[in-house]
């Protein structure tokens, strides 16, 4: 069985998509239909930085709200910016 391909909105290429929606809601379905595995992994790494920056308690409902807000911005906003002073890690 071949991998499901999506036209990734983040990486602007046809790439393998996620196996299942990452969230049980409309945003999760949008991500499933429009975001590649590679871009999702990129977002998860980015969100680690957000967790540290905002000192989020991952057991709180607020963390879920921030996660969804940042995912929406990261994938579907034209003017998403990384936090000021952010320097990506070198491979």
PDB file of N, CA and C in Angstrom:
ATOM      1  N   UNK A   1       0.847  -1.181   0.000  1.00  0.00           N
ATOM      2  CA  UNK A   1       0.000   0.000   0.000  1.00  0.00           C
ATOM      3  C   UNK A   1       0.889   1.239   0.000  1.00  0.00           C
ATOM      4  N   UNK A   2       0.598   2.173  -0.860  1.00  0.00           N
ATOM      5  CA  UNK A   2       1.443   3.360  -0.968  1.00  0.00           C
ATOM      6  C   UNK A   2       1.039   4.407   0.069  1.00  0.00           C
ATOM      7  N   UNK A   3       2.001   5.289   0.364  1.00  0.00           N
ATOM      8  CA  UNK A   3       1.741   6.358   1.328  1.00  0.00           C
ATOM      9  C   UNK A   3       0.780   7.377   0.742  1.00  0.00           C
ATOM     10  N   UNK A   4      -0.024   7.931   1.606  1.00  0.00           N
ATOM     11  CA  UNK A   4      -0.957   8.983   1.214  1.00  0.00           C
ATOM     12  C   UNK A   4      -0.165  10.279   1.051  1.00  0.00           C
ATOM     13  N   UNK A   5      -0.331  10.946  -0.087  1.00  0.00           N
ATOM     14  CA  UNK A   5       0.375  12.199  -0.346  1.00  0.00           C
ATOM     15  C   UNK A   5      -0.568  13.380  -0.151  1.00  0.00           C
ATOM     16  N   UNK A   6       0.006  14.477   0.340  1.00  0.00           N
ATOM     17  CA  UNK A   6      -0.751  15.724   0.497  1.00  0.00           C
ATOM     18  C   UNK A   6       0.046  16.855  -0.139  1.00  0.00           C
ATOM     19  N   UNK A   7      -0.655  17.877  -0.572  1.00  0.00           N
ATOM     20  CA  UNK A   7       0.005  19.109  -1.004  1.00  0.00           C
ATOM     21  C   UNK A   7       0.219  19.929   0.262  1.00  0.00           C
ATOM     22  N   UNK A   8       1.413  19.855   0.803  1.00  0.00           N
ATOM     23  CA  UNK A   8       1.715  20.451   2.101  1.00  0.00           C
ATOM     24  C   UNK A   8       1.683  21.976   2.028  1.00  0.00           C
ATOM     25  N   UNK A   9       0.827  22.577   2.867  1.00  0.00           N
ATOM     26  CA  UNK A   9       0.705  24.033   2.882  1.00  0.00           C
ATOM     27  C   UNK A   9       1.938  24.703   3.473  1.00  0.00           C
ATOM     28  N   UNK A  10       2.663  24.000   4.296  1.00  0.00           N
ATOM     29  CA  UNK A  10       3.845  24.582   4.946  1.00  0.00           C
ATOM     30  C   UNK A  10       5.073  24.497   4.039  1.00  0.00           C
ATOM     31  N   UNK A  11       5.302  23.328   3.445  1.00  0.00           N
ATOM     32  CA  UNK A  11       6.521  23.110   2.662  1.00  0.00           C
ATOM     33  C   UNK A  11       6.304  23.282   1.163  1.00  0.00           C
ATOM     34  N   UNK A  12       5.071  23.560   0.769  1.00  0.00           N
ATOM     35  CA  UNK A  12       4.738  23.856  -0.633  1.00  0.00           C
ATOM     36  C   UNK A  12       5.214  22.761  -1.586  1.00  0.00           C
ATOM     37  N   UNK A  13       4.935  21.502  -1.203  1.00  0.00           N
ATOM     38  CA  UNK A  13       5.323  20.366  -2.036  1.00  0.00           C
ATOM     39  C   UNK A  13       4.378  19.200  -1.755  1.00  0.00           C
ATOM     40  N   UNK A  14       4.308  18.270  -2.698  1.00  0.00           N
ATOM     41  CA  UNK A  14       3.534  17.053  -2.484  1.00  0.00           C
ATOM     42  C   UNK A  14       4.410  16.067  -1.723  1.00  0.00           C
ATOM     43  N   UNK A  15       3.983  15.733  -0.510  1.00  0.00           N
ATOM     44  CA  UNK A  15       4.786  14.910   0.394  1.00  0.00           C
ATOM     45  C   UNK A  15       3.886  13.925   1.128  1.00  0.00           C
ATOM     46  N   UNK A  16       4.481  12.882   1.734  1.00  0.00           N
ATOM     47  CA  UNK A  16       3.678  11.938   2.515  1.00  0.00           C
ATOM     48  C   UNK A  16       2.940  12.642   3.653  1.00  0.00           C
ATOM     49  N   UNK A  17       1.653  12.294   3.786  1.00  0.00           N
ATOM     50  CA  UNK A  17       0.821  12.893   4.824  1.00  0.00           C
ATOM     51  C   UNK A  17       0.824  12.079   6.102  1.00  0.00           C
ATOM     52  N   UNK A  18       0.196  12.632   7.113  1.00  0.00           N
ATOM     53  CA  UNK A  18       0.059  11.956   8.401  1.00  0.00           C
ATOM     54  C   UNK A  18      -0.818  10.713   8.248  1.00  0.00           C
ATOM     55  N   UNK A  19      -0.630   9.753   9.147  1.00  0.00           N
ATOM     56  CA  UNK A  19      -1.417   8.520   9.097  1.00  0.00           C
ATOM     57  C   UNK A  19      -2.833   8.717   9.644  1.00  0.00           C
ATOM     58  N   UNK A  20      -2.969   9.603  10.617  1.00  0.00           N
ATOM     59  CA  UNK A  20      -4.265   9.897  11.226  1.00  0.00           C
ATOM     60  C   UNK A  20      -4.313  11.382  11.584  1.00  0.00           C
ATOM     61  N   UNK A  21      -5.506  11.940  11.748  1.00  0.00           N
ATOM     62  CA  UNK A  21      -5.586  13.337  12.201  1.00  0.00           C
ATOM     63  C   UNK A  21      -4.933  13.480  13.576  1.00  0.00           C
ATOM     64  N   UNK A  22      -4.125  14.516  13.782  1.00  0.00           N
ATOM     65  CA  UNK A  22      -3.397  14.660  15.043  1.00  0.00           C
ATOM     66  C   UNK A  22      -4.251  15.186  16.196  1.00  0.00           C
ATOM     67  N   UNK A  23      -5.421  15.727  15.882  1.00  0.00           N
ATOM     68  CA  UNK A  23      -6.331  16.261  16.902  1.00  0.00           C
ATOM     69  C   UNK A  23      -7.745  15.799  16.558  1.00  0.00           C
ATOM     70  N   UNK A  24      -8.580  15.560  17.573  1.00  0.00           N
ATOM     71  CA  UNK A  24      -9.938  15.065  17.309  1.00  0.00           C
ATOM     72  C   UNK A  24     -10.945  16.193  17.071  1.00  0.00           C
ATOM     73  N   UNK A  25     -10.602  17.100  16.165  1.00  0.00           N
ATOM     74  CA  UNK A  25     -11.492  18.230  15.892  1.00  0.00           C
ATOM     75  C   UNK A  25     -11.281  18.709  14.457  1.00  0.00           C
ATOM     76  N   UNK A  26     -11.923  19.811  14.107  1.00  0.00           N
ATOM     77  CA  UNK A  26     -11.835  20.337  12.742  1.00  0.00           C
ATOM     78  C   UNK A  26     -10.398  20.719  12.371  1.00  0.00           C
ATOM     79  N   UNK A  27      -9.668  21.324  13.300  1.00  0.00           N
ATOM     80  CA  UNK A  27      -8.273  21.687  13.026  1.00  0.00           C
ATOM     81  C   UNK A  27      -7.449  20.438  12.738  1.00  0.00           C
ATOM     82  N   UNK A  28      -7.663  19.382  13.509  1.00  0.00           N
ATOM     83  CA  UNK A  28      -6.949  18.124  13.272  1.00  0.00           C
ATOM     84  C   UNK A  28      -7.212  17.579  11.881  1.00  0.00           C
ATOM     85  N   UNK A  29      -8.456  17.695  11.421  1.00  0.00           N
ATOM     86  CA  UNK A  29      -8.800  17.234  10.074  1.00  0.00           C
ATOM     87  C   UNK A  29      -8.127  18.104   9.014  1.00  0.00           C
ATOM     88  N   UNK A  30      -8.106  19.424   9.223  1.00  0.00           N
ATOM     89  CA  UNK A  30      -7.425  20.327   8.266  1.00  0.00           C
ATOM     90  C   UNK A  30      -5.948  19.990   8.176  1.00  0.00           C
ATOM     91  N   UNK A  31      -5.327  19.748   9.325  1.00  0.00           N
ATOM     92  CA  UNK A  31      -3.907  19.389   9.348  1.00  0.00           C
ATOM     93  C   UNK A  31      -3.706  18.068   8.618  1.00  0.00           C
ATOM     94  N   UNK A  32      -4.547  17.084   8.895  1.00  0.00           N
ATOM     95  CA  UNK A  32      -4.461  15.776   8.249  1.00  0.00           C
ATOM     96  C   UNK A  32      -4.527  15.897   6.725  1.00  0.00           C
ATOM     97  N   UNK A  33      -5.386  16.764   6.239  1.00  0.00           N
ATOM     98  CA  UNK A  33      -5.597  16.908   4.795  1.00  0.00           C
ATOM     99  C   UNK A  33      -4.561  17.787   4.106  1.00  0.00           C
ATOM    100  N   UNK A  34      -3.861  18.658   4.855  1.00  0.00           N
ATOM    101  CA  UNK A  34      -3.022  19.682   4.227  1.00  0.00           C
ATOM    102  C   UNK A  34      -1.584  19.772   4.712  1.00  0.00           C
ATOM    103  N   UNK A  35      -1.187  18.914   5.635  1.00  0.00           N
ATOM    104  CA  UNK A  35       0.149  19.027   6.232  1.00  0.00           C
ATOM    105  C   UNK A  35       0.880  17.691   6.104  1.00  0.00           C
ATOM    106  N   UNK A  36       2.137  17.755   5.702  1.00  0.00           N
ATOM    107  CA  UNK A  36       2.948  16.544   5.556  1.00  0.00           C
ATOM    108  C   UNK A  36       3.513  16.089   6.897  1.00  0.00           C
ATOM    109  N   UNK A  37       3.967  14.834   6.923  1.00  0.00           N
ATOM    110  CA  UNK A  37       4.637  14.302   8.117  1.00  0.00           C
ATOM    111  C   UNK A  37       5.847  15.161   8.469  1.00  0.00           C
ATOM    112  N   UNK A  38       6.586  15.568   7.458  1.00  0.00           N
ATOM    113  CA  UNK A  38       7.790  16.376   7.673  1.00  0.00           C
ATOM    114  C   UNK A  38       7.449  17.721   8.324  1.00  0.00           C
ATOM    115  N   UNK A  39       6.417  18.379   7.826  1.00  0.00           N
ATOM    116  CA  UNK A  39       6.022  19.672   8.392  1.00  0.00           C
ATOM    117  C   UNK A  39       5.461  19.500   9.802  1.00  0.00           C
ATOM    118  N   UNK A  40       4.738  18.400  10.051  1.00  0.00           N
ATOM    119  CA  UNK A  40       4.207  18.148  11.390  1.00  0.00           C
ATOM    120  C   UNK A  40       5.358  17.952  12.380  1.00  0.00           C
ATOM    121  N   UNK A  41       6.386  17.209  11.975  1.00  0.00           N
ATOM    122  CA  UNK A  41       7.556  17.012  12.837  1.00  0.00           C
ATOM    123  C   UNK A  41       8.241  18.353  13.110  1.00  0.00           C
ATOM    124  N   UNK A  42       8.302  19.209  12.100  1.00  0.00           N
ATOM    125  CA  UNK A  42       8.876  20.551  12.255  1.00  0.00           C
ATOM    126  C   UNK A  42       8.076  21.354  13.286  1.00  0.00           C
ATOM    127  N   UNK A  43       6.748  21.252  13.216  1.00  0.00           N
ATOM    128  CA  UNK A  43       5.908  21.967  14.185  1.00  0.00           C
ATOM    129  C   UNK A  43       6.123  21.438  15.598  1.00  0.00           C
ATOM    130  N   UNK A  44       6.208  20.125  15.760  1.00  0.00           N
ATOM    131  CA  UNK A  44       6.397  19.564  17.104  1.00  0.00           C
ATOM    132  C   UNK A  44       7.708  20.050  17.715  1.00  0.00           C
ATOM    133  N   UNK A  45       8.758  20.137  16.910  1.00  0.00           N
ATOM    134  CA  UNK A  45      10.027  20.690  17.405  1.00  0.00           C
ATOM    135  C   UNK A  45       9.843  22.157  17.787  1.00  0.00           C
ATOM    136  N   UNK A  46       9.128  22.892  16.960  1.00  0.00           N
ATOM    137  CA  UNK A  46       8.856  24.302  17.243  1.00  0.00           C
ATOM    138  C   UNK A  46       8.067  24.438  18.540  1.00  0.00           C
ATOM    139  N   UNK A  47       7.100  23.556  18.738  1.00  0.00           N
ATOM    140  CA  UNK A  47       6.258  23.677  19.926  1.00  0.00           C
ATOM    141  C   UNK A  47       7.046  23.411  21.211  1.00  0.00           C
ATOM    142  N   UNK A  48       8.091  22.612  21.130  1.00  0.00           N
ATOM    143  CA  UNK A  48       8.958  22.431  22.310  1.00  0.00           C
ATOM    144  C   UNK A  48       9.509  23.781  22.758  1.00  0.00           C
ATOM    145  N   UNK A  49       9.898  24.607  21.801  1.00  0.00           N
ATOM    146  CA  UNK A  49      10.400  25.940  22.114  1.00  0.00           C
ATOM    147  C   UNK A  49       9.290  26.779  22.757  1.00  0.00           C
ATOM    148  N   UNK A  50       8.076  26.670  22.231  1.00  0.00           N
ATOM    149  CA  UNK A  50       6.941  27.412  22.783  1.00  0.00           C
ATOM    150  C   UNK A  50       6.681  26.976  24.226  1.00  0.00           C
ATOM    151  N   UNK A  51       6.734  25.684  24.479  1.00  0.00           N
ATOM    152  CA  UNK A  51       6.538  25.165  25.842  1.00  0.00           C
ATOM    153  C   UNK A  51       7.525  25.826  26.790  1.00  0.00           C
ATOM    154  N   UNK A  52       8.774  25.858  26.398  1.00  0.00           N
ATOM    155  CA  UNK A  52       9.800  26.448  27.255  1.00  0.00           C
ATOM    156  C   UNK A  52       9.628  27.955  27.394  1.00  0.00           C
ATOM    157  N   UNK A  53       9.327  28.619  26.291  1.00  0.00           N
ATOM    158  CA  UNK A  53       9.190  30.078  26.312  1.00  0.00           C
ATOM    159  C   UNK A  53       8.057  30.522  27.233  1.00  0.00           C
ATOM    160  N   UNK A  54       6.921  29.824  27.147  1.00  0.00           N
ATOM    161  CA  UNK A  54       5.755  30.190  27.956  1.00  0.00           C
ATOM    162  C   UNK A  54       5.675  29.404  29.267  1.00  0.00           C
ATOM    163  N   UNK A  55       6.645  28.517  29.496  1.00  0.00           N
ATOM    164  CA  UNK A  55       6.664  27.672  30.692  1.00  0.00           C
ATOM    165  C   UNK A  55       5.309  26.983  30.890  1.00  0.00           C
ATOM    166  N   UNK A  56       4.860  26.343  29.815  1.00  0.00           N
ATOM    167  CA  UNK A  56       3.542  25.718  29.829  1.00  0.00           C
ATOM    168  C   UNK A  56       3.524  24.451  30.673  1.00  0.00           C
ATOM    169  N   UNK A  57       2.455  24.278  31.422  1.00  0.00           N
ATOM    170  CA  UNK A  57       2.174  23.042  32.142  1.00  0.00           C
ATOM    171  C   UNK A  57       1.338  22.190  31.193  1.00  0.00           C
ATOM    172  N   UNK A  58       1.910  21.118  30.675  1.00  0.00           N
ATOM    173  CA  UNK A  58       1.234  20.324  29.649  1.00  0.00           C
ATOM    174  C   UNK A  58      -0.002  19.597  30.160  1.00  0.00           C
ATOM    175  N   UNK A  59      -0.224  19.603  31.467  1.00  0.00           N
ATOM    176  CA  UNK A  59      -1.432  18.981  32.008  1.00  0.00           C
ATOM    177  C   UNK A  59      -2.598  19.969  32.097  1.00  0.00           C
ATOM    178  N   UNK A  60      -2.352  21.225  31.783  1.00  0.00           N
ATOM    179  CA  UNK A  60      -3.409  22.235  31.910  1.00  0.00           C
ATOM    180  C   UNK A  60      -4.171  22.404  30.597  1.00  0.00           C
ATOM    181  N   UNK A  61      -5.459  22.742  30.687  1.00  0.00           N
ATOM    182  CA  UNK A  61      -6.244  23.015  29.476  1.00  0.00           C
ATOM    183  C   UNK A  61      -5.672  24.187  28.668  1.00  0.00           C
ATOM    184  N   UNK A  62      -5.016  25.129  29.339  1.00  0.00           N
ATOM    185  CA  UNK A  62      -4.428  26.265  28.630  1.00  0.00           C
ATOM    186  C   UNK A  62      -3.361  25.794  27.638  1.00  0.00           C
ATOM    187  N   UNK A  63      -2.601  24.767  28.005  1.00  0.00           N
ATOM    188  CA  UNK A  63      -1.573  24.244  27.101  1.00  0.00           C
ATOM    189  C   UNK A  63      -2.213  23.709  25.823  1.00  0.00           C
ATOM    190  N   UNK A  64      -3.364  23.057  25.953  1.00  0.00           N
ATOM    191  CA  UNK A  64      -4.075  22.561  24.766  1.00  0.00           C
ATOM    192  C   UNK A  64      -4.508  23.717  23.871  1.00  0.00           C
ATOM    193  N   UNK A  65      -4.993  24.783  24.481  1.00  0.00           N
ATOM    194  CA  UNK A  65      -5.421  25.956  23.713  1.00  0.00           C
ATOM    195  C   UNK A  65      -4.243  26.591  22.985  1.00  0.00           C
ATOM    196  N   UNK A  66      -3.117  26.721  23.681  1.00  0.00           N
ATOM    197  CA  UNK A  66      -1.921  27.307  23.067  1.00  0.00           C
ATOM    198  C   UNK A  66      -1.442  26.412  21.927  1.00  0.00           C
ATOM    199  N   UNK A  67      -1.457  25.081  22.138  1.00  0.00           N
ATOM    200  CA  UNK A  67      -1.040  24.136  21.105  1.00  0.00           C
ATOM    201  C   UNK A  67      -1.867  24.335  19.842  1.00  0.00           C
ATOM    202  N   UNK A  68      -3.183  24.388  19.986  1.00  0.00           N
ATOM    203  CA  UNK A  68      -4.050  24.546  18.820  1.00  0.00           C
ATOM    204  C   UNK A  68      -3.859  25.907  18.160  1.00  0.00           C
ATOM    205  N   UNK A  69      -3.708  26.947  18.961  1.00  0.00           N
ATOM    206  CA  UNK A  69      -3.495  28.292  18.406  1.00  0.00           C
ATOM    207  C   UNK A  69      -2.199  28.341  17.609  1.00  0.00           C
ATOM    208  N   UNK A  70      -1.126  27.797  18.171  1.00  0.00           N
ATOM    209  CA  UNK A  70       0.170  27.829  17.489  1.00  0.00           C
ATOM    210  C   UNK A  70       0.159  26.952  16.242  1.00  0.00           C
ATOM    211  N   UNK A  71      -0.542  25.812  16.292  1.00  0.00           N
ATOM    212  CA  UNK A  71      -0.640  24.953  15.104  1.00  0.00           C
ATOM    213  C   UNK A  71      -1.382  25.683  13.990  1.00  0.00           C
ATOM    214  N   UNK A  72      -2.487  26.322  14.335  1.00  0.00           N
ATOM    215  CA  UNK A  72      -3.268  27.087  13.348  1.00  0.00           C
ATOM    216  C   UNK A  72      -2.393  28.165  12.707  1.00  0.00           C
ATOM    217  N   UNK A  73      -1.672  28.912  13.530  1.00  0.00           N
ATOM    218  CA  UNK A  73      -0.805  29.983  13.020  1.00  0.00           C
ATOM    219  C   UNK A  73       0.340  29.419  12.183  1.00  0.00           C
ATOM    220  N   UNK A  74       0.991  28.373  12.666  1.00  0.00           N
ATOM    221  CA  UNK A  74       2.164  27.794  12.017  1.00  0.00           C
ATOM    222  C   UNK A  74       1.836  27.299  10.607  1.00  0.00           C
ATOM    223  N   UNK A  75       0.689  26.630  10.464  1.00  0.00           N
ATOM    224  CA  UNK A  75       0.353  26.028   9.178  1.00  0.00           C
ATOM    225  C   UNK A  75      -0.518  26.897   8.275  1.00  0.00           C
ATOM    226  N   UNK A  76      -1.374  27.706   8.843  1.00  0.00           N
ATOM    227  CA  UNK A  76      -2.401  28.346   8.026  1.00  0.00           C
ATOM    228  C   UNK A  76      -2.391  29.868   8.057  1.00  0.00           C
ATOM    229  N   UNK A  77      -1.379  30.476   8.656  1.00  0.00           N
ATOM    230  CA  UNK A  77      -1.293  31.933   8.690  1.00  0.00           C
ATOM    231  C   UNK A  77      -0.134  32.392   7.809  1.00  0.00           C
ATOM    232  N   UNK A  78      -0.393  33.389   6.984  1.00  0.00           N
ATOM    233  CA  UNK A  78       0.653  33.902   6.096  1.00  0.00           C
ATOM    234  C   UNK A  78       1.685  34.750   6.822  1.00  0.00           C
ATOM    235  N   UNK A  79       1.348  35.246   7.985  1.00  0.00           N
ATOM    236  CA  UNK A  79       2.264  36.163   8.665  1.00  0.00           C
ATOM    237  C   UNK A  79       2.834  35.585   9.959  1.00  0.00           C
ATOM    238  N   UNK A  80       2.913  34.252  10.049  1.00  0.00           N
ATOM    239  CA  UNK A  80       3.470  33.637  11.257  1.00  0.00           C
ATOM    240  C   UNK A  80       4.962  33.941  11.349  1.00  0.00           C
ATOM    241  N   UNK A  81       5.378  34.347  12.516  1.00  0.00           N
ATOM    242  CA  UNK A  81       6.790  34.672  12.758  1.00  0.00           C
ATOM    243  C   UNK A  81       7.304  33.860  13.934  1.00  0.00           C
ATOM    244  N   UNK A  82       8.549  33.484  13.850  1.00  0.00           N
ATOM    245  CA  UNK A  82       9.200  32.841  14.984  1.00  0.00           C
ATOM    246  C   UNK A  82       9.426  33.909  16.047  1.00  0.00           C
ATOM    247  N   UNK A  83       9.504  33.522  17.318  1.00  0.00           N
ATOM    248  CA  UNK A  83       9.753  34.508  18.372  1.00  0.00           C
ATOM    249  C   UNK A  83      11.045  35.275  18.132  1.00  0.00           C
ATOM    250  N   UNK A  84      11.045  36.527  18.537  1.00  0.00           N
ATOM    251  CA  UNK A  84      12.219  37.379  18.370  1.00  0.00           C
ATOM    252  C   UNK A  84      13.422  36.742  19.063  1.00  0.00           C
ATOM    253  N   UNK A  85      14.545  36.743  18.380  1.00  0.00           N
ATOM    254  CA  UNK A  85      15.769  36.185  18.941  1.00  0.00           C
ATOM    255  C   UNK A  85      15.939  34.697  18.692  1.00  0.00           C
ATOM    256  N   UNK A  86      14.958  34.052  18.041  1.00  0.00           N
ATOM    257  CA  UNK A  86      15.053  32.619  17.772  1.00  0.00           C
ATOM    258  C   UNK A  86      16.151  32.346  16.754  1.00  0.00           C
ATOM    259  N   UNK A  87      16.999  31.376  17.069  1.00  0.00           N
ATOM    260  CA  UNK A  87      18.049  30.944  16.154  1.00  0.00           C
ATOM    261  C   UNK A  87      17.888  29.439  15.972  1.00  0.00           C
ATOM    262  N   UNK A  88      17.607  28.971  14.743  1.00  0.00           N
ATOM    263  CA  UNK A  88      17.420  27.535  14.541  1.00  0.00           C
ATOM    264  C   UNK A  88      18.700  26.758  14.826  1.00  0.00           C
ATOM    265  N   UNK A  89      18.507  25.520  15.317  1.00  0.00           N
ATOM    266  CA  UNK A  89      19.657  24.653  15.575  1.00  0.00           C
ATOM    267  C   UNK A  89      20.301  24.265  14.257  1.00  0.00           C
ATOM    268  N   UNK A  90      21.612  24.121  14.288  1.00  0.00           N
ATOM    269  CA  UNK A  90      22.321  23.670  13.088  1.00  0.00           C
ATOM    270  C   UNK A  90      22.334  22.146  13.083  1.00  0.00           C
ATOM    271  N   UNK A  91      22.137  21.553  11.902  1.00  0.00           N
ATOM    272  CA  UNK A  91      22.101  20.078  11.830  1.00  0.00           C
ATOM    273  C   UNK A  91      23.429  19.442  12.162  1.00  0.00           C
TER     274      UNK A  91
END
